[in-house]
Amino acid sequence: MFNERIKELRLALGINQIEFGRKLNVTKQCVSNWENGNIQPSIDMLIRICKVFSVSADYLLGLEHSENVDISLLNDDEKKMIFLMLSYFGKSKKHGSPLRE
């Protein structure tokens, strides 16, 4: 689960393995090994990965299925925009996307 989640989150950020590795001060090979399930990061590295993605360790490890995002560093206007987007997408899933014809 961990390997799938970090790859999914990395791709969602639009960064490659080299760029992700730079954020953590590790090599592309290290990131590749995590994503292929060959090795697991240390606990300290897991914490750093969580901070890069703004998600919980439980989410990365597959113990939690909902993705949580830390918005504590956003200002009030930015938080309102996030909540509006979540509300919009929640409604579109219930009633069908308003973008569909």
Protein backbone atom coordinates (compact mmCIF):
# COMPACT_ATOMS: atom_id res chain seq x y z
CA MET A 1 0.00 0.00 0.00
CA PHE A 2 2.77 2.46 0.94
CA ASN A 3 4.48 2.10 -2.43
CA GLU A 4 1.24 2.75 -4.32
CA ARG A 5 0.32 5.77 -2.21
CA ILE A 6 3.65 7.57 -2.53
CA LYS A 7 3.69 7.07 -6.28
CA GLU A 8 0.09 8.28 -6.57
CA LEU A 9 0.80 11.36 -4.46
CA ARG A 10 4.05 12.11 -6.26
CA LEU A 11 2.31 11.98 -9.63
CA ALA A 12 -0.53 14.15 -8.30
CA LEU A 13 2.07 16.79 -7.43
CA GLY A 14 3.39 16.51 -10.97
CA ILE A 15 6.96 15.73 -9.94
CA ASN A 16 9.27 12.95 -11.06
CA GLN A 17 11.30 10.66 -8.84
CA ILE A 18 14.38 12.88 -9.08
CA GLU A 19 12.48 15.98 -7.93
CA PHE A 20 10.80 14.06 -5.12
CA GLY A 21 14.16 12.67 -4.04
CA ARG A 22 15.62 16.18 -3.93
CA LYS A 23 12.87 17.30 -1.56
CA LEU A 24 13.91 14.49 0.80
CA ASN A 25 17.64 14.56 0.08
CA VAL A 26 17.64 11.00 -1.29
CA THR A 27 18.44 9.53 -4.71
CA LYS A 28 16.05 8.66 -7.51
CA GLN A 29 17.02 5.04 -6.93
CA CYS A 30 15.85 5.27 -3.32
CA VAL A 31 12.47 6.68 -4.40
CA SER A 32 12.20 4.00 -7.07
CA ASN A 33 12.90 1.28 -4.50
CA TRP A 34 10.14 2.65 -2.24
CA GLU A 35 7.68 2.79 -5.12
CA ASN A 36 8.56 -0.74 -6.25
CA GLY A 37 8.20 -2.08 -2.72
CA ASN A 38 11.83 -3.19 -2.54
CA ILE A 39 12.63 -1.22 0.63
CA GLN A 40 10.76 0.77 3.27
CA PRO A 41 11.81 4.18 4.57
CA SER A 42 12.96 4.73 8.14
CA ILE A 43 10.48 6.22 10.59
CA ASP A 44 12.27 9.58 10.35
CA MET A 45 12.00 9.47 6.56
CA LEU A 46 8.33 8.46 6.76
CA ILE A 47 7.67 11.60 8.78
CA ARG A 48 9.47 13.72 6.18
CA ILE A 49 7.46 12.10 3.37
CA CYS A 50 4.22 12.84 5.24
CA LYS A 51 5.25 16.49 5.52
CA VAL A 52 6.05 16.76 1.79
CA PHE A 53 2.64 15.36 0.87
CA SER A 54 0.74 16.93 3.82
CA VAL A 55 -0.85 13.57 4.66
CA SER A 56 -0.86 11.31 7.71
CA ALA A 57 1.39 8.29 8.14
CA ASP A 58 -1.78 6.23 8.61
CA TYR A 59 -2.88 7.22 5.11
CA LEU A 60 0.51 6.39 3.57
CA LEU A 61 0.61 3.03 5.34
CA GLY A 62 -2.92 2.10 4.32
CA LEU A 63 -4.32 2.15 7.86
CA GLU A 64 -6.65 4.99 6.95
CA HIS A 65 -8.56 5.12 3.69
CA SER A 66 -9.52 8.76 3.63
CA GLU A 67 -6.91 11.22 2.54
CA ASN A 68 -6.35 14.08 4.98
CA VAL A 69 -4.66 17.28 3.98
CA ASP A 70 -3.13 19.72 6.44
CA ILE A 71 -4.47 23.20 5.70
CA SER A 72 -3.22 24.84 8.88
CA LEU A 73 -0.72 27.00 6.97
CA LEU A 74 -3.38 28.45 4.66
CA ASN A 75 -5.00 31.80 5.28
CA ASP A 76 -8.77 32.13 5.80
CA ASP A 77 -9.51 32.97 2.15
CA GLU A 78 -7.51 29.96 0.94
CA LYS A 79 -9.33 27.69 3.40
CA LYS A 80 -12.71 28.99 2.20
CA MET A 81 -11.72 28.20 -1.39
CA ILE A 82 -10.75 24.64 -0.42
CA PHE A 83 -14.08 24.12 1.37
CA LEU A 84 -16.00 25.51 -1.61
CA MET A 85 -14.18 23.13 -3.95
CA LEU A 86 -14.87 20.16 -1.67
CA SER A 87 -18.52 21.10 -1.48
CA TYR A 88 -18.73 21.45 -5.26
CA PHE A 89 -17.10 18.09 -5.95
CA GLY A 90 -19.17 16.36 -3.27
CA LYS A 91 -22.37 17.62 -4.88
CA SER A 92 -21.24 16.65 -8.39
CA LYS A 93 -20.60 13.05 -7.25
CA LYS A 94 -24.06 12.79 -5.67
CA HIS A 95 -25.98 14.32 -8.56
CA GLY A 96 -23.76 13.69 -11.55
CA SER A 97 -21.11 16.07 -12.74
CA PRO A 98 -22.47 19.41 -13.95
CA LEU A 99 -19.71 19.32 -16.56
CA ARG A 100 -21.19 16.27 -18.30
CA GLU A 101 -23.45 16.76 -21.27
